[in-house]
């Protein structure tokens, strides 16, 4: 049985999040809202562009790109799609899927073109009635991945016309209705107003749906507390680590209740030895730790928790992490490839912002994009030549030159290593 999805919606106006297409009065920081959805257990964000001009369209695309750069959640793009180029722009902004509007006449031709060009797994269509489905039923199943059904009155007849999975819009928080809908083999997920509420406890909803036999993408522990080996005090130490940077944030302890609560609600919950009580990190400070993974060590007596740390502050002293009191420190050469790439990239970026006399990097930036592209091409050729020679070190040297010039190009075009690694991870 395939896992069902909980899909949140962000309506984007002038690069900001708004409540709905008909209510633009309240503007919210789009990154704050996307961050909330990323951490709370939502499976996918539907980003809908409400732009009225090409300039605003680019602003909204930039906002979507920023969400993609910052968070790990899947993004689906929609809105202001007039031609194949608009589909491509959304995919290049980081969307894993693009939703075409089935109410638009132009979509009849665009849907097949988009499916052929980008693959049916990238294309969805939203519908309010069955007109579009009737007109495309002969080829629709070979062209799109899913439908998004905005009016539930379509459901019964829809299944008689095409055998395509779909996401259903359900605005009211009606648990029994959700169970009924998600029990259908055709329905792959739910979106709707109640899901978009900032106060909605998505992990609790998933846990309740799982208890009713609905397969959800939530935490199902491969190990139980009985598989672990707590100390004589009944506690297991837990090391919390930032899931994106690898930074060690803090050390705390769990008992059985804290362990089970953490898995159930998706927020790091510990046992306070000083207060002798259960505590969910951040409930009073707001610096919540959302669970990304829990892993036991080889002896089953320590847990490594990879978390998303809200606010960037893990320590009660206000520091980003609890480990800031140096005891001994020895200089060393960094060997972590990711760290080296990011450090060199940061130096190049700093040169662009704060030029330094005599800097070759600044020379390239001063000469402009054409010069940078010329050097990238030249260095790529040098890599090919070096690869034909027998000396491996020459190839190492030329690849290093090539990567450096690629990074100059990346900075010039505002592309980050995270953009590149995220794209590679999706392939």
Protein backbone atom coordinates (compact mmCIF):
# COMPACT_ATOMS: atom_id res chain seq x y z
CA UNK A 1 0.00 0.00 0.00
CA UNK A 2 1.42 3.38 -1.03
CA UNK A 3 1.97 6.07 1.58
CA UNK A 4 -0.52 8.93 1.56
CA UNK A 5 0.66 12.55 1.41
CA UNK A 6 -0.26 15.60 3.45
CA UNK A 7 0.17 18.62 1.16
CA UNK A 8 0.34 22.23 2.42
CA UNK A 9 -0.28 25.20 0.15
CA UNK A 10 1.57 28.52 0.01
CA UNK A 11 0.02 31.30 -2.10
CA UNK A 12 2.75 33.71 -3.24
CA UNK A 13 2.20 37.40 -3.95
CA UNK A 14 5.16 39.75 -4.51
CA UNK A 15 7.52 37.20 -2.97
CA UNK A 16 5.45 36.98 0.23
CA UNK A 17 2.96 34.40 1.47
CA UNK A 18 -0.71 35.41 1.54
CA UNK A 19 -3.76 33.68 2.97
CA UNK A 20 -5.55 32.90 -0.31
CA UNK A 21 -6.02 34.19 -3.88
CA UNK A 22 -9.01 36.21 -2.66
CA UNK A 23 -7.41 37.50 0.57
CA UNK A 24 -4.16 39.37 -0.04
CA UNK A 25 -4.46 41.61 3.02
CA UNK A 26 -2.07 39.74 5.30
CA UNK A 27 1.50 39.27 4.06
CA UNK A 28 3.70 36.66 5.77
CA UNK A 29 7.38 35.81 5.46
CA UNK A 30 7.42 32.95 2.99
CA UNK A 31 10.56 31.38 4.47
CA UNK A 32 9.08 31.26 7.97
CA UNK A 33 5.98 29.50 6.65
CA UNK A 34 7.96 27.09 4.47
CA UNK A 35 10.23 26.31 7.42
CA UNK A 36 7.23 25.49 9.57
CA UNK A 37 5.86 23.09 6.96
CA UNK A 38 9.31 21.58 6.37
CA UNK A 39 9.66 20.67 10.03
CA UNK A 40 6.09 19.87 11.04
CA UNK A 41 5.62 16.67 9.04
CA UNK A 42 4.03 18.01 5.84
CA UNK A 43 5.11 15.83 2.90
CA UNK A 44 4.98 18.42 0.13
CA UNK A 45 4.35 22.15 -0.38
CA UNK A 46 2.22 23.36 -3.27
CA UNK A 47 3.57 26.83 -4.13
CA UNK A 48 1.03 28.83 -6.15
CA UNK A 49 2.28 31.92 -7.99
CA UNK A 50 -0.35 34.70 -7.96
CA UNK A 51 1.69 37.14 -10.05
CA UNK A 52 0.11 39.61 -12.48
CA UNK A 53 3.26 40.67 -14.32
CA UNK A 54 6.50 39.18 -15.64
CA UNK A 55 8.46 41.14 -13.03
CA UNK A 56 6.38 39.79 -10.17
CA UNK A 57 6.54 36.31 -11.71
CA UNK A 58 10.34 36.42 -11.48
CA UNK A 59 10.11 37.63 -7.86
CA UNK A 60 7.87 34.68 -6.97
CA UNK A 61 10.12 32.23 -8.78
CA UNK A 62 13.02 33.56 -6.72
CA UNK A 63 11.03 32.92 -3.53
CA UNK A 64 10.37 29.33 -4.63
CA UNK A 65 14.05 28.88 -5.44
CA UNK A 66 14.96 30.14 -1.97
CA UNK A 67 12.64 27.59 -0.35
CA UNK A 68 14.27 24.86 -2.40
CA UNK A 69 17.75 26.03 -1.42
CA UNK A 70 16.97 26.22 2.28
CA UNK A 71 14.70 23.27 3.05
CA UNK A 72 14.54 19.58 2.21
CA UNK A 73 10.78 19.35 1.68
CA UNK A 74 9.43 18.55 -1.80
CA UNK A 75 7.99 21.52 -3.69
CA UNK A 76 5.28 21.49 -6.34
CA UNK A 77 4.85 24.67 -8.43
CA UNK A 78 1.71 26.17 -9.94
CA UNK A 79 0.22 29.43 -11.17
CA UNK A 80 0.87 31.81 -14.10
CA UNK A 81 1.83 28.96 -16.46
CA UNK A 82 1.19 30.02 -20.05
CA UNK A 83 3.76 28.08 -22.04
CA UNK A 84 6.36 25.34 -21.85
CA UNK A 85 9.01 27.85 -20.78
CA UNK A 86 7.03 28.55 -17.58
CA UNK A 87 7.03 24.85 -16.72
CA UNK A 88 10.80 24.76 -17.23
CA UNK A 89 11.32 27.81 -15.00
CA UNK A 90 9.44 26.18 -12.12
CA UNK A 91 11.41 22.95 -12.48
CA UNK A 92 14.66 24.91 -12.59
CA UNK A 93 13.56 26.78 -9.45
CA UNK A 94 13.57 23.44 -7.63
CA UNK A 95 10.02 22.13 -8.03
CA UNK A 96 9.86 18.35 -8.37
CA UNK A 97 6.43 18.68 -10.03
CA UNK A 98 4.44 21.36 -11.84
CA UNK A 99 0.65 21.71 -11.71
CA UNK A 100 -1.20 22.88 -14.83
CA UNK A 101 -4.62 24.48 -14.50
CA UNK A 102 -7.22 22.20 -16.11
CA UNK A 103 -9.68 25.10 -16.30
CA UNK A 104 -7.51 26.91 -18.87
CA UNK A 105 -8.12 26.11 -22.53
CA UNK A 106 -4.40 26.36 -23.27
CA UNK A 107 -3.70 23.44 -20.90
CA UNK A 108 -5.29 21.00 -23.37
CA UNK A 109 -2.31 21.39 -25.68
CA UNK A 110 0.30 22.24 -23.06
CA UNK A 111 -0.23 19.14 -20.91
CA UNK A 112 0.85 16.69 -23.62
CA UNK A 113 3.76 18.87 -24.68
CA UNK A 114 4.94 19.22 -21.07
CA UNK A 115 4.58 15.50 -20.37
CA UNK A 116 6.58 14.60 -23.48
CA UNK A 117 9.28 17.20 -22.75
CA UNK A 118 9.80 16.75 -19.00
CA UNK A 119 8.27 13.31 -18.26
CA UNK A 120 4.85 12.47 -16.88
CA UNK A 121 6.22 12.15 -13.32
CA UNK A 122 6.82 15.92 -13.37
CA UNK A 123 3.33 17.01 -14.47
CA UNK A 124 0.05 17.30 -12.52
CA UNK A 125 -3.25 18.93 -13.45
CA UNK A 126 -5.76 20.60 -11.13
CA UNK A 127 -9.46 20.22 -11.97
CA UNK A 128 -12.72 21.69 -10.64
CA UNK A 129 -14.96 19.69 -13.00
CA UNK A 130 -14.64 16.80 -15.46
CA UNK A 131 -14.45 18.76 -18.73
CA UNK A 132 -10.68 18.55 -19.01
CA UNK A 133 -10.64 14.85 -18.14
CA UNK A 134 -13.27 14.02 -20.78
CA UNK A 135 -11.30 15.89 -23.46
CA UNK A 136 -7.96 14.24 -22.63
CA UNK A 137 -9.00 10.79 -21.39
CA UNK A 138 -7.41 8.99 -24.34
CA UNK A 139 -3.88 10.13 -23.50
CA UNK A 140 -4.01 11.68 -20.00
CA UNK A 141 -2.81 8.59 -18.11
CA UNK A 142 0.35 8.53 -20.25
CA UNK A 143 1.00 12.24 -19.82
CA UNK A 144 0.57 13.19 -16.15
CA UNK A 145 1.51 11.85 -12.75
CA UNK A 146 -1.47 12.94 -10.62
CA UNK A 147 -4.58 15.07 -10.60
CA UNK A 148 -5.45 17.60 -7.92
CA UNK A 149 -9.21 17.51 -7.41
CA UNK A 150 -10.51 20.83 -6.10
CA UNK A 151 -14.20 19.81 -6.00
CA UNK A 152 -15.09 16.50 -4.38
CA UNK A 153 -18.34 16.22 -6.36
CA UNK A 154 -16.12 15.01 -9.23
CA UNK A 155 -14.80 11.97 -7.40
CA UNK A 156 -17.35 9.26 -8.19
CA UNK A 157 -17.53 9.97 -11.91
CA UNK A 158 -13.79 10.63 -12.19
CA UNK A 159 -12.88 7.07 -11.30
CA UNK A 160 -15.16 5.78 -14.06
CA UNK A 161 -13.32 7.83 -16.69
CA UNK A 162 -9.62 7.52 -15.91
CA UNK A 163 -7.48 5.43 -13.58
CA UNK A 164 -5.16 8.19 -12.36
CA UNK A 165 -4.27 8.81 -8.70
CA UNK A 166 -5.14 12.19 -7.26
CA UNK A 167 -4.84 14.58 -4.36
CA UNK A 168 -8.13 15.85 -2.96
CA UNK A 169 -8.83 19.28 -1.49
CA UNK A 170 -10.52 18.98 1.90
CA UNK A 171 -10.81 22.33 3.69
CA UNK A 172 -12.54 21.27 6.94
CA UNK A 173 -10.79 19.33 9.67
CA UNK A 174 -13.12 16.31 9.70
CA UNK A 175 -11.15 13.28 10.83
CA UNK A 176 -13.71 10.64 9.82
CA UNK A 177 -14.02 12.22 6.39
CA UNK A 178 -10.23 12.13 6.03
CA UNK A 179 -10.16 8.43 6.93
CA UNK A 180 -12.88 7.75 4.36
CA UNK A 181 -11.11 9.69 1.62
CA UNK A 182 -7.64 8.31 2.25
CA UNK A 183 -8.95 4.75 2.36
CA UNK A 184 -9.55 4.98 -1.39
CA UNK A 185 -6.81 3.40 -3.52
CA UNK A 186 -7.17 6.30 -5.99
CA UNK A 187 -6.48 9.05 -3.48
CA UNK A 188 -2.78 9.71 -2.95
CA UNK A 189 -3.07 12.65 -0.58
CA UNK A 190 -4.95 15.55 0.96
CA UNK A 191 -4.57 19.32 0.72
CA UNK A 192 -6.81 22.03 2.14
CA UNK A 193 -7.26 25.03 4.40
CA UNK A 194 -7.03 23.16 7.70
CA UNK A 195 -3.63 21.70 6.78
CA UNK A 196 -2.27 25.19 6.10
CA UNK A 197 -3.02 26.44 9.62
CA UNK A 198 0.17 27.17 11.52
CA UNK A 199 -1.31 25.58 14.64
CA UNK A 200 -2.10 22.28 12.91
CA UNK A 201 -0.27 19.32 14.47
CA UNK A 202 0.56 17.33 11.34
CA UNK A 203 2.52 14.60 13.13
CA UNK A 204 -0.40 13.96 15.48
CA UNK A 205 -2.77 13.81 12.51
CA UNK A 206 -0.50 11.28 10.79
CA UNK A 207 -0.26 9.19 13.95
CA UNK A 208 -4.07 9.14 14.30
CA UNK A 209 -4.52 8.21 10.63
CA UNK A 210 -1.94 5.43 10.99
CA UNK A 211 -3.89 4.01 13.90
CA UNK A 212 -6.89 3.74 11.57
CA UNK A 213 -4.91 1.75 9.04
CA UNK A 214 -3.92 4.59 6.68
CA UNK A 215 -0.27 4.26 5.61
CA UNK A 216 1.43 7.59 6.22
CA UNK A 217 4.98 8.86 5.86
CA UNK A 218 5.57 9.25 9.56
CA UNK A 219 7.95 7.81 12.10
CA UNK A 220 7.75 4.04 12.47
CA UNK A 221 10.50 2.95 14.82
CA UNK A 222 12.71 0.10 13.60
CA UNK A 223 13.84 -0.33 17.21
CA UNK A 224 11.69 -0.19 20.33
CA UNK A 225 12.78 0.96 23.77
CA UNK A 226 13.21 -2.70 24.76
CA UNK A 227 15.90 -3.06 22.08
CA UNK A 228 17.97 -0.31 23.72
CA UNK A 229 20.21 -0.54 26.80
CA UNK A 230 19.52 2.31 29.22
CA UNK A 231 21.74 2.88 32.24
CA UNK A 232 20.85 1.95 35.80
CA UNK A 233 18.90 5.18 36.08
CA UNK A 234 16.67 4.11 33.16
CA UNK A 235 18.08 6.83 30.88
CA UNK A 236 19.89 6.85 27.54
CA UNK A 237 22.13 9.77 26.48
CA UNK A 238 21.05 11.51 23.26
CA UNK A 239 23.38 13.58 21.08
CA UNK A 240 21.47 16.15 19.01
CA UNK A 241 23.06 17.14 15.69
CA UNK A 242 21.94 19.68 13.07
CA UNK A 243 20.78 17.58 10.12
CA UNK A 244 22.02 20.05 7.50
CA UNK A 245 25.40 21.17 8.84
CA UNK A 246 26.37 18.20 11.01
CA UNK A 247 27.03 20.56 13.94
CA UNK A 248 26.71 18.86 17.34
CA UNK A 249 24.14 20.89 19.29
CA UNK A 250 23.67 19.35 22.71
CA UNK A 251 23.59 16.27 24.92
CA UNK A 252 20.46 15.30 26.84
CA UNK A 253 18.74 12.15 28.12
CA UNK A 254 15.66 10.10 27.34
CA UNK A 255 13.64 7.63 29.35
CA UNK A 256 11.07 5.32 27.74
CA UNK A 257 8.30 7.91 27.87
CA UNK A 258 10.51 10.58 26.26
CA UNK A 259 11.61 8.12 23.56
CA UNK A 260 8.05 7.14 22.64
CA UNK A 261 6.80 10.74 22.80
CA UNK A 262 9.59 11.90 20.47
CA UNK A 263 8.63 9.31 17.87
CA UNK A 264 4.91 10.06 18.19
CA UNK A 265 5.02 13.87 17.93
CA UNK A 266 8.19 14.30 15.82
CA UNK A 267 9.72 16.80 18.28
CA UNK A 268 12.72 16.04 20.46
CA UNK A 269 11.48 15.23 23.93
CA UNK A 270 13.85 14.53 26.81
CA UNK A 271 13.83 13.61 30.48
CA UNK A 272 15.06 16.44 32.69
CA UNK A 273 17.27 15.01 35.42
CA UNK A 274 17.30 18.29 37.34
CA UNK A 275 13.51 18.80 37.29
CA UNK A 276 12.68 15.10 37.22
CA UNK A 277 10.11 15.59 34.45
CA UNK A 278 9.46 15.15 30.77
CA UNK A 279 10.24 18.17 28.57
CA UNK A 280 9.78 18.80 24.87
CA UNK A 281 12.65 20.99 23.73
CA UNK A 282 11.52 24.52 22.85
CA UNK A 283 7.93 24.52 24.12
CA UNK A 284 8.70 27.55 26.30
CA UNK A 285 11.60 29.13 24.35
CA UNK A 286 10.25 28.42 20.86
CA UNK A 287 13.56 26.73 19.93
CA UNK A 288 11.93 23.42 19.00
CA UNK A 289 13.97 20.52 17.63
CA UNK A 290 12.10 18.69 14.87
CA UNK A 291 13.23 15.10 14.37
CA UNK A 292 14.86 14.11 11.10
CA UNK A 293 16.32 10.78 12.25
CA UNK A 294 17.17 8.77 15.38
CA UNK A 295 20.02 6.24 15.27
CA UNK A 296 21.32 3.93 18.01
CA UNK A 297 25.06 3.33 18.37
CA UNK A 298 26.76 -0.08 18.13
CA UNK A 299 26.09 -0.89 21.80
CA UNK A 300 22.47 0.34 21.73
CA UNK A 301 23.16 2.60 24.71
CA UNK A 302 23.40 6.01 22.99
CA UNK A 303 21.17 7.75 20.44
CA UNK A 304 22.26 10.16 17.71
CA UNK A 305 19.39 12.51 16.81
CA UNK A 306 19.58 14.54 13.59
CA UNK A 307 17.27 17.50 14.04
CA UNK A 308 16.07 20.74 12.54
CA UNK A 309 16.80 23.35 15.20
CA UNK A 310 14.30 26.21 15.15
CA UNK A 311 15.84 29.62 15.77
CA UNK A 312 19.38 28.26 15.55
CA UNK A 313 19.72 28.17 19.35
CA UNK A 314 20.07 24.83 21.14
CA UNK A 315 21.69 25.93 24.42
CA UNK A 316 19.80 27.48 27.37
CA UNK A 317 22.61 30.08 27.59
CA UNK A 318 21.61 31.48 24.18
CA UNK A 319 24.53 29.93 22.30
CA UNK A 320 23.87 28.05 19.04
CA UNK A 321 25.14 24.84 20.69
CA UNK A 322 26.22 23.70 24.12
CA UNK A 323 29.85 23.04 23.20
CA UNK A 324 31.75 26.34 23.34
CA UNK A 325 34.20 25.98 26.26
CA UNK A 326 37.60 25.13 24.72
CA UNK A 327 39.81 22.72 26.64
CA UNK A 328 42.56 22.02 24.09
CA UNK A 329 42.72 22.96 20.43
CA UNK A 330 45.19 22.02 17.71
CA UNK A 331 45.21 23.40 14.17
CA UNK A 332 44.56 20.81 11.47
CA UNK A 333 44.11 20.59 7.73
CA UNK A 334 40.45 20.22 6.76
CA UNK A 335 39.82 17.07 4.69
CA UNK A 336 36.04 17.02 4.54
CA UNK A 337 35.21 17.53 0.82
CA UNK A 338 31.93 19.34 1.45
CA UNK A 339 33.53 21.67 3.99
CA UNK A 340 36.44 22.44 1.63
CA UNK A 341 34.13 23.22 -1.30
CA UNK A 342 31.99 25.48 0.89
CA UNK A 343 35.05 27.25 2.39
CA UNK A 344 36.56 27.98 -1.04
CA UNK A 345 33.17 29.10 -2.33
CA UNK A 346 32.83 31.47 0.63
CA UNK A 347 36.28 32.98 -0.06
CA UNK A 348 35.33 33.56 -3.71
CA UNK A 349 32.02 35.08 -2.67
CA UNK A 350 33.81 37.37 -0.20
CA UNK A 351 36.17 38.53 -2.96
CA UNK A 352 33.16 39.59 -5.02
CA UNK A 353 31.71 41.57 -2.11
CA UNK A 354 35.03 42.89 -0.75
CA UNK A 355 37.55 43.13 -3.62
CA UNK A 356 41.25 42.65 -2.84
CA UNK A 357 44.05 44.26 -4.85
CA UNK A 358 45.97 41.76 -6.97
CA UNK A 359 43.36 39.04 -6.56
CA UNK A 360 42.99 36.79 -9.60
CA UNK A 361 39.41 36.11 -8.52
CA UNK A 362 38.63 39.83 -8.61
CA UNK A 363 40.30 40.05 -12.02
CA UNK A 364 37.80 37.48 -13.32
CA UNK A 365 34.83 39.27 -11.76
CA UNK A 366 36.02 42.61 -13.15
CA UNK A 367 36.32 41.17 -16.66
CA UNK A 368 32.77 39.83 -16.44
CA UNK A 369 30.78 36.75 -17.40
CA UNK A 370 32.30 36.22 -20.87
CA UNK A 371 35.82 36.03 -19.42
CA UNK A 372 34.68 33.62 -16.70
CA UNK A 373 32.97 31.39 -19.27
CA UNK A 374 36.08 31.45 -21.48
CA UNK A 375 38.21 30.25 -18.55
CA UNK A 376 35.74 27.50 -17.65
CA UNK A 377 35.90 26.27 -21.24
CA UNK A 378 39.69 26.41 -21.29
CA UNK A 379 40.01 24.53 -18.02
CA UNK A 380 37.54 21.87 -19.19
CA UNK A 381 39.79 21.30 -22.21
CA UNK A 382 42.83 21.03 -19.92
CA UNK A 383 41.03 18.31 -17.95
CA UNK A 384 40.45 16.33 -21.15
CA UNK A 385 44.12 16.65 -22.17
CA UNK A 386 45.36 15.69 -18.71
CA UNK A 387 43.12 12.63 -18.68
CA UNK A 388 44.85 11.37 -21.84
CA UNK A 389 48.26 11.56 -20.15
CA UNK A 390 49.64 8.96 -17.79
CA UNK A 391 50.36 11.20 -14.78
CA UNK A 392 47.40 11.12 -12.32
CA UNK A 393 48.62 14.18 -10.42
CA UNK A 394 48.28 16.31 -13.55
CA UNK A 395 44.62 15.34 -13.77
CA UNK A 396 44.14 16.21 -10.09
CA UNK A 397 45.68 19.64 -10.70
CA UNK A 398 43.56 20.38 -13.78
CA UNK A 399 40.30 19.21 -12.17
CA UNK A 400 41.08 21.48 -9.20
CA UNK A 401 41.58 24.42 -11.59
CA UNK A 402 38.35 23.57 -13.37
CA UNK A 403 36.35 23.35 -10.12
CA UNK A 404 37.77 26.68 -8.93
CA UNK A 405 36.67 28.43 -12.13
CA UNK A 406 33.29 26.68 -11.91
CA UNK A 407 32.91 28.14 -8.41
CA UNK A 408 33.70 31.62 -9.72
CA UNK A 409 30.93 31.10 -12.27
CA UNK A 410 28.60 29.81 -9.54
CA UNK A 411 29.16 32.91 -7.42
CA UNK A 412 28.71 35.16 -10.46
CA UNK A 413 25.36 33.48 -11.23
CA UNK A 414 24.30 33.08 -7.58
CA UNK A 415 24.34 29.27 -7.64
CA UNK A 416 25.39 27.52 -4.41
CA UNK A 417 26.86 24.09 -3.68
CA UNK A 418 23.61 23.26 -1.94
CA UNK A 419 21.79 23.92 -5.22
CA UNK A 420 24.12 21.51 -7.00
CA UNK A 421 24.03 18.73 -4.37
CA UNK A 422 20.27 18.98 -4.04
CA UNK A 423 19.86 18.63 -7.82
CA UNK A 424 22.19 15.61 -7.87
CA UNK A 425 20.32 14.02 -4.98
CA UNK A 426 17.05 14.25 -6.91
CA UNK A 427 18.43 12.45 -9.99
